[in-house]
PDB file of N, CA and C in Angstrom:
ATOM      1  N   MET A   1     111.730 100.013 115.106  1.00  0.00           N
ATOM      2  CA  MET A   1     110.621 100.386 113.940  1.00  0.00           C
ATOM      3  C   MET A   1     109.353  99.484 114.672  1.00  0.00           C
ATOM      4  N   THR A   2     109.714  98.186 114.773  1.00  0.00           N
ATOM      5  CA  THR A   2     108.706  97.208 115.122  1.00  0.00           C
ATOM      6  C   THR A   2     108.067  97.762 116.571  1.00  0.00           C
ATOM      7  N   SER A   3     108.587  98.144 117.475  1.00  0.00           N
ATOM      8  CA  SER A   3     108.046  98.698 118.734  1.00  0.00           C
ATOM      9  C   SER A   3     107.184  99.628 118.937  1.00  0.00           C
ATOM     10  N   GLU A   4     106.898 100.385 117.477  1.00  0.00           N
ATOM     11  CA  GLU A   4     105.915 101.434 117.589  1.00  0.00           C
ATOM     12  C   GLU A   4     104.649 101.266 116.597  1.00  0.00           C
ATOM     13  N   ILE A   5     104.421  99.970 116.585  1.00  0.00           N
ATOM     14  CA  ILE A   5     103.354  99.248 115.871  1.00  0.00           C
ATOM     15  C   ILE A   5     102.534  98.274 116.772  1.00  0.00           C
ATOM     16  N   THR A   6     101.368  98.562 116.746  1.00  0.00           N
ATOM     17  CA  THR A   6     100.406  97.277 117.465  1.00  0.00           C
ATOM     18  C   THR A   6     100.215  96.092 116.421  1.00  0.00           C
ATOM     19  N   TRP A   7     100.886  94.758 117.042  1.00  0.00           N
ATOM     20  CA  TRP A   7     100.707  93.276 116.750  1.00  0.00           C
ATOM     21  C   TRP A   7      99.156  93.049 116.975  1.00  0.00           C
ATOM     22  N   HIS A   8      98.967  92.118 116.090  1.00  0.00           N
ATOM     23  CA  HIS A   8      97.710  91.221 116.638  1.00  0.00           C
ATOM     24  C   HIS A   8      97.825  89.893 115.878  1.00  0.00           C
ATOM     25  N   LYS A   9      97.312  88.857 116.598  1.00  0.00           N
ATOM     26  CA  LYS A   9      97.093  87.615 115.728  1.00  0.00           C
ATOM     27  C   LYS A   9      95.523  87.133 115.351  1.00  0.00           C
ATOM     28  N   SER A  10      95.198  86.298 114.869  1.00  0.00           N
ATOM     29  CA  SER A  10      94.090  85.781 113.967  1.00  0.00           C
ATOM     30  C   SER A  10      93.370  85.365 115.330  1.00  0.00           C
ATOM     31  N   SER A  11      92.167  85.702 115.055  1.00  0.00           N
ATOM     32  CA  SER A  11      91.171  84.947 116.158  1.00  0.00           C
ATOM     33  C   SER A  11      90.893  83.471 116.101  1.00  0.00           C
ATOM     34  N   TYR A  12      91.333  83.215 114.989  1.00  0.00           N
ATOM     35  CA  TYR A  12      91.216  81.656 114.657  1.00  0.00           C
ATOM     36  C   TYR A  12      92.874  80.737 115.209  1.00  0.00           C
ATOM     37  N   SER A  13      93.647  81.538 115.853  1.00  0.00           N
ATOM     38  CA  SER A  13      94.533  81.059 116.571  1.00  0.00           C
ATOM     39  C   SER A  13      94.639  81.134 118.179  1.00  0.00           C
ATOM     40  N   PRO A  14      94.347  79.655 118.689  1.00  0.00           N
ATOM     41  CA  PRO A  14      94.001  79.530 119.955  1.00  0.00           C
ATOM     42  C   PRO A  14      95.686  79.779 120.712  1.00  0.00           C
ATOM     43  N   ASN A  15      95.484  80.116 121.925  1.00  0.00           N
ATOM     44  CA  ASN A  15      96.630  80.533 122.755  1.00  0.00           C
ATOM     45  C   ASN A  15      97.778  79.298 122.703  1.00  0.00           C
ATOM     46  N   GLY A  16      98.847  79.785 122.736  1.00  0.00           N
ATOM     47  CA  GLY A  16      99.899  78.690 122.658  1.00  0.00           C
ATOM     48  C   GLY A  16     100.343  78.146 121.315  1.00  0.00           C
ATOM     49  N   SER A  17      99.576  78.324 120.316  1.00  0.00           N
ATOM     50  CA  SER A  17      99.587  77.718 119.145  1.00  0.00           C
ATOM     51  C   SER A  17     100.789  78.294 118.124  1.00  0.00           C
ATOM     52  N   ASN A  18     101.213  77.835 117.074  1.00  0.00           N
ATOM     53  CA  ASN A  18     102.132  78.429 116.220  1.00  0.00           C
ATOM     54  C   ASN A  18     101.325  79.031 115.054  1.00  0.00           C
ATOM     55  N   CYS A  19     101.699  80.364 115.218  1.00  0.00           N
ATOM     56  CA  CYS A  19     100.800  81.146 114.035  1.00  0.00           C
ATOM     57  C   CYS A  19     101.893  82.402 113.917  1.00  0.00           C
ATOM     58  N   VAL A  20     101.403  83.616 113.146  1.00  0.00           N
ATOM     59  CA  VAL A  20     101.898  84.718 112.797  1.00  0.00           C
ATOM     60  C   VAL A  20     101.047  85.679 113.235  1.00  0.00           C
ATOM     61  N   GLU A  21     101.846  86.890 113.587  1.00  0.00           N
ATOM     62  CA  GLU A  21     101.173  88.220 113.943  1.00  0.00           C
ATOM     63  C   GLU A  21     101.330  89.161 113.119  1.00  0.00           C
ATOM     64  N   VAL A  22     100.607  90.059 112.754  1.00  0.00           N
ATOM     65  CA  VAL A  22     100.252  91.081 111.735  1.00  0.00           C
ATOM     66  C   VAL A  22     100.114  92.341 112.472  1.00  0.00           C
ATOM     67  N   ALA A  23     100.645  93.053 111.921  1.00  0.00           N
ATOM     68  CA  ALA A  23     100.612  95.125 111.888  1.00  0.00           C
ATOM     69  C   ALA A  23     100.215  95.376 110.837  1.00  0.00           C
ATOM     70  N   GLU A  24      99.051  95.881 110.811  1.00  0.00           N
ATOM     71  CA  GLU A  24      98.574  96.427 109.462  1.00  0.00           C
ATOM     72  C   GLU A  24      98.537  97.771 109.299  1.00  0.00           C
ATOM     73  N   GLY A  25      99.033  98.641 108.296  1.00  0.00           N
ATOM     74  CA  GLY A  25      98.882 100.100 108.144  1.00  0.00           C
ATOM     75  C   GLY A  25      99.349 100.216 106.616  1.00  0.00           C
ATOM     76  N   PRO A  26      99.922 101.362 106.337  1.00  0.00           N
ATOM     77  CA  PRO A  26     100.444 101.645 104.991  1.00  0.00           C
ATOM     78  C   PRO A  26     101.243 100.467 104.527  1.00  0.00           C
ATOM     79  N   THR A  27     102.045  99.966 105.598  1.00  0.00           N
ATOM     80  CA  THR A  27     102.997  98.807 105.281  1.00  0.00           C
ATOM     81  C   THR A  27     102.515  97.725 106.172  1.00  0.00           C
ATOM     82  N   THR A  28     102.366  96.480 105.641  1.00  0.00           N
ATOM     83  CA  THR A  28     101.753  95.668 106.671  1.00  0.00           C
ATOM     84  C   THR A  28     103.552  94.925 107.148  1.00  0.00           C
ATOM     85  N   HIS A  29     102.955  94.413 108.178  1.00  0.00           N
ATOM     86  CA  HIS A  29     104.387  94.037 109.049  1.00  0.00           C
ATOM     87  C   HIS A  29     103.907  92.339 109.374  1.00  0.00           C
ATOM     88  N   ILE A  30     104.196  91.116 109.094  1.00  0.00           N
ATOM     89  CA  ILE A  30     104.159  89.896 109.447  1.00  0.00           C
ATOM     90  C   ILE A  30     105.535  89.257 110.289  1.00  0.00           C
ATOM     91  N   ARG A  31     105.024  88.726 111.294  1.00  0.00           N
ATOM     92  CA  ARG A  31     106.332  87.999 112.219  1.00  0.00           C
ATOM     93  C   ARG A  31     105.659  86.619 112.623  1.00  0.00           C
ATOM     94  N   ASP A  32     106.801  85.675 113.076  1.00  0.00           N
ATOM     95  CA  ASP A  32     106.530  84.722 113.380  1.00  0.00           C
ATOM     96  C   ASP A  32     106.100  84.771 115.185  1.00  0.00           C
ATOM     97  N   THR A  33     105.057  84.081 115.918  1.00  0.00           N
ATOM     98  CA  THR A  33     105.013  84.287 117.251  1.00  0.00           C
ATOM     99  C   THR A  33     106.028  83.658 118.185  1.00  0.00           C
ATOM    100  N   GLN A  34     106.445  82.636 117.547  1.00  0.00           N
ATOM    101  CA  GLN A  34     107.456  81.768 118.271  1.00  0.00           C
ATOM    102  C   GLN A  34     108.801  82.482 118.491  1.00  0.00           C
ATOM    103  N   ASN A  35     109.135  83.525 117.437  1.00  0.00           N
ATOM    104  CA  ASN A  35     110.457  83.859 117.151  1.00  0.00           C
ATOM    105  C   ASN A  35     110.224  85.471 116.714  1.00  0.00           C
ATOM    106  N   ARG A  36     109.727  86.045 117.737  1.00  0.00           N
ATOM    107  CA  ARG A  36     109.422  87.490 117.466  1.00  0.00           C
ATOM    108  C   ARG A  36     110.229  88.519 117.475  1.00  0.00           C
ATOM    109  N   ASP A  37     111.576  88.207 117.816  1.00  0.00           N
ATOM    110  CA  ASP A  37     113.300  88.950 117.591  1.00  0.00           C
ATOM    111  C   ASP A  37     113.569  88.765 116.552  1.00  0.00           C
ATOM    112  N   LEU A  38     113.215  87.731 115.751  1.00  0.00           N
ATOM    113  CA  LEU A  38     113.779  87.497 114.229  1.00  0.00           C
ATOM    114  C   LEU A  38     113.187  88.678 113.447  1.00  0.00           C
ATOM    115  N   SER A  39     113.721  88.381 111.779  1.00  0.00           N
ATOM    116  CA  SER A  39     113.312  89.380 111.375  1.00  0.00           C
ATOM    117  C   SER A  39     111.920  89.249 110.925  1.00  0.00           C
ATOM    118  N   GLU A  40     111.357  90.510 109.875  1.00  0.00           N
ATOM    119  CA  GLU A  40     109.677  90.141 109.859  1.00  0.00           C
ATOM    120  C   GLU A  40     109.576  90.427 108.516  1.00  0.00           C
ATOM    121  N   LEU A  41     108.437  89.994 107.931  1.00  0.00           N
ATOM    122  CA  LEU A  41     108.316  90.478 106.272  1.00  0.00           C
ATOM    123  C   LEU A  41     107.310  91.723 106.276  1.00  0.00           C
ATOM    124  N   THR A  42     107.692  92.483 105.384  1.00  0.00           N
ATOM    125  CA  THR A  42     106.982  93.721 105.332  1.00  0.00           C
ATOM    126  C   THR A  42     106.267  93.642 103.705  1.00  0.00           C
ATOM    127  N   LEU A  43     105.055  94.078 103.666  1.00  0.00           N
ATOM    128  CA  LEU A  43     104.260  94.108 102.376  1.00  0.00           C
ATOM    129  C   LEU A  43     103.794  95.537 102.485  1.00  0.00           C
ATOM    130  N   PRO A  44     103.328  96.279 101.187  1.00  0.00           N
ATOM    131  CA  PRO A  44     102.574  97.379 101.088  1.00  0.00           C
ATOM    132  C   PRO A  44     101.283  96.615 101.346  1.00  0.00           C
ATOM    133  N   ALA A  45     100.510  97.786 101.967  1.00  0.00           N
ATOM    134  CA  ALA A  45      99.055  97.272 102.232  1.00  0.00           C
ATOM    135  C   ALA A  45      98.230  96.823 101.105  1.00  0.00           C
ATOM    136  N   ARG A  46      98.261  97.119  99.959  1.00  0.00           N
ATOM    137  CA  ARG A  46      97.675  96.848  98.682  1.00  0.00           C
ATOM    138  C   ARG A  46      98.062  95.131  98.312  1.00  0.00           C
ATOM    139  N   GLU A  47      99.351  95.030  98.529  1.00  0.00           N
ATOM    140  CA  GLU A  47      99.660  93.560  98.402  1.00  0.00           C
ATOM    141  C   GLU A  47      99.128  92.697  99.586  1.00  0.00           C
ATOM    142  N   TRP A  48      99.080  93.031 100.899  1.00  0.00           N
ATOM    143  CA  TRP A  48      98.570  92.408 101.792  1.00  0.00           C
ATOM    144  C   TRP A  48      96.818  91.934 101.538  1.00  0.00           C
ATOM    145  N   ASN A  49      96.343  93.254 101.334  1.00  0.00           N
ATOM    146  CA  ASN A  49      95.172  92.966 101.040  1.00  0.00           C
ATOM    147  C   ASN A  49      94.673  92.047  99.599  1.00  0.00           C
ATOM    148  N   ALA A  50      95.711  91.952  98.769  1.00  0.00           N
ATOM    149  CA  ALA A  50      95.438  91.056  97.523  1.00  0.00           C
ATOM    150  C   ALA A  50      95.556  89.713  97.984  1.00  0.00           C
ATOM    151  N   LEU A  51      96.534  89.444  98.700  1.00  0.00           N
ATOM    152  CA  LEU A  51      96.993  88.354  99.374  1.00  0.00           C
ATOM    153  C   LEU A  51      95.627  87.668 100.079  1.00  0.00           C
ATOM    154  N   LEU A  52      95.011  88.393 101.002  1.00  0.00           N
ATOM    155  CA  LEU A  52      93.970  88.084 101.871  1.00  0.00           C
ATOM    156  C   LEU A  52      92.662  87.816 101.152  1.00  0.00           C
ATOM    157  N   SER A  53      92.595  88.491  99.959  1.00  0.00           N
ATOM    158  CA  SER A  53      91.336  88.352  99.102  1.00  0.00           C
ATOM    159  C   SER A  53      91.540  87.076  98.223  1.00  0.00           C
ATOM    160  N   ALA A  54      93.078  86.827  97.825  1.00  0.00           N
ATOM    161  CA  ALA A  54      93.019  85.634  97.194  1.00  0.00           C
ATOM    162  C   ALA A  54      92.826  84.161  98.091  1.00  0.00           C
ATOM    163  N   VAL A  55      93.306  84.405  99.372  1.00  0.00           N
ATOM    164  CA  VAL A  55      93.028  83.251 100.299  1.00  0.00           C
ATOM    165  C   VAL A  55      91.414  83.281 100.652  1.00  0.00           C
ATOM    166  N   HIS A  56      90.651  84.261 100.669  1.00  0.00           N
ATOM    167  CA  HIS A  56      89.666  84.237 101.196  1.00  0.00           C
ATOM    168  C   HIS A  56      88.381  83.634  99.919  1.00  0.00           C
ATOM    169  N   THR A  57      88.813  83.618  98.514  1.00  0.00           N
ATOM    170  CA  THR A  57      88.395  83.148  97.583  1.00  0.00           C
ATOM    171  C   THR A  57      88.359  81.597  97.080  1.00  0.00           C
ATOM    172  N   SER A  58      89.701  81.255  97.687  1.00  0.00           N
ATOM    173  CA  SER A  58      89.939  80.012  97.404  1.00  0.00           C
ATOM    174  C   SER A  58      89.466  78.673  98.360  1.00  0.00           C
TER     175      SER A  58
END
Protein backbone atom coordinates (compact mmCIF):
# COMPACT_ATOMS: atom_id res chain seq x y z
CA MET A 1 0.00 0.00 0.00
CA THR A 2 2.61 2.61 1.00
CA SER A 3 4.83 1.82 -2.00
CA GLU A 4 2.25 3.37 -4.35
CA ILE A 5 2.05 6.77 -2.65
CA THR A 6 4.41 9.73 -2.68
CA TRP A 7 5.87 10.79 0.67
CA HIS A 8 7.30 14.21 1.54
CA LYS A 9 8.87 15.89 4.57
CA SER A 10 8.20 19.41 5.71
CA SER A 11 10.47 22.07 4.24
CA TYR A 12 11.06 23.12 7.88
CA SER A 13 12.75 19.78 8.64
CA PRO A 14 16.53 19.87 8.14
CA ASN A 15 18.27 16.78 6.74
CA GLY A 16 18.94 14.10 9.34
CA SER A 17 16.44 15.48 11.84
CA ASN A 18 13.62 13.63 13.55
CA CYS A 19 10.41 14.42 11.78
CA VAL A 20 7.43 12.88 10.05
CA GLU A 21 6.66 12.26 6.40
CA VAL A 22 3.24 12.78 4.90
CA ALA A 23 1.53 11.44 1.79
CA GLU A 24 -1.55 13.51 1.01
CA GLY A 25 -4.55 12.43 -1.01
CA PRO A 26 -8.12 11.29 -0.28
CA THR A 27 -6.51 9.55 2.70
CA THR A 28 -3.50 11.18 4.36
CA HIS A 29 -0.71 8.87 5.52
CA ILE A 30 1.73 9.95 8.25
CA ARG A 31 4.87 8.07 9.32
CA ASP A 32 8.07 8.53 11.32
CA THR A 33 11.13 9.15 9.14
CA GLN A 34 13.35 7.22 11.53
CA ASN A 35 11.04 4.15 11.52
CA ARG A 36 9.52 4.02 8.05
CA ASP A 37 8.89 0.27 8.17
CA LEU A 38 6.68 0.53 11.24
CA SER A 39 2.99 1.28 10.98
CA GLU A 40 1.63 4.59 9.79
CA LEU A 41 -1.25 6.79 10.83
CA THR A 42 -3.99 7.33 8.26
CA LEU A 43 -6.59 10.09 8.32
CA PRO A 44 -9.28 11.24 5.94
CA ALA A 45 -8.03 14.32 4.07
CA ARG A 46 -10.72 16.46 5.71
CA GLU A 47 -9.40 15.63 9.20
CA TRP A 48 -5.78 16.26 8.15
CA ASN A 49 -6.75 19.67 6.75
CA ALA A 50 -8.62 20.51 9.96
CA LEU A 51 -5.52 19.63 12.00
CA LEU A 52 -3.31 21.83 9.81
CA SER A 53 -5.78 24.72 10.09
CA ALA A 54 -5.86 24.40 13.88
CA VAL A 55 -2.06 24.38 14.08
CA HIS A 56 -1.71 27.40 11.80
CA THR A 57 -4.19 29.47 13.81
CA SER A 58 -2.67 28.74 17.23
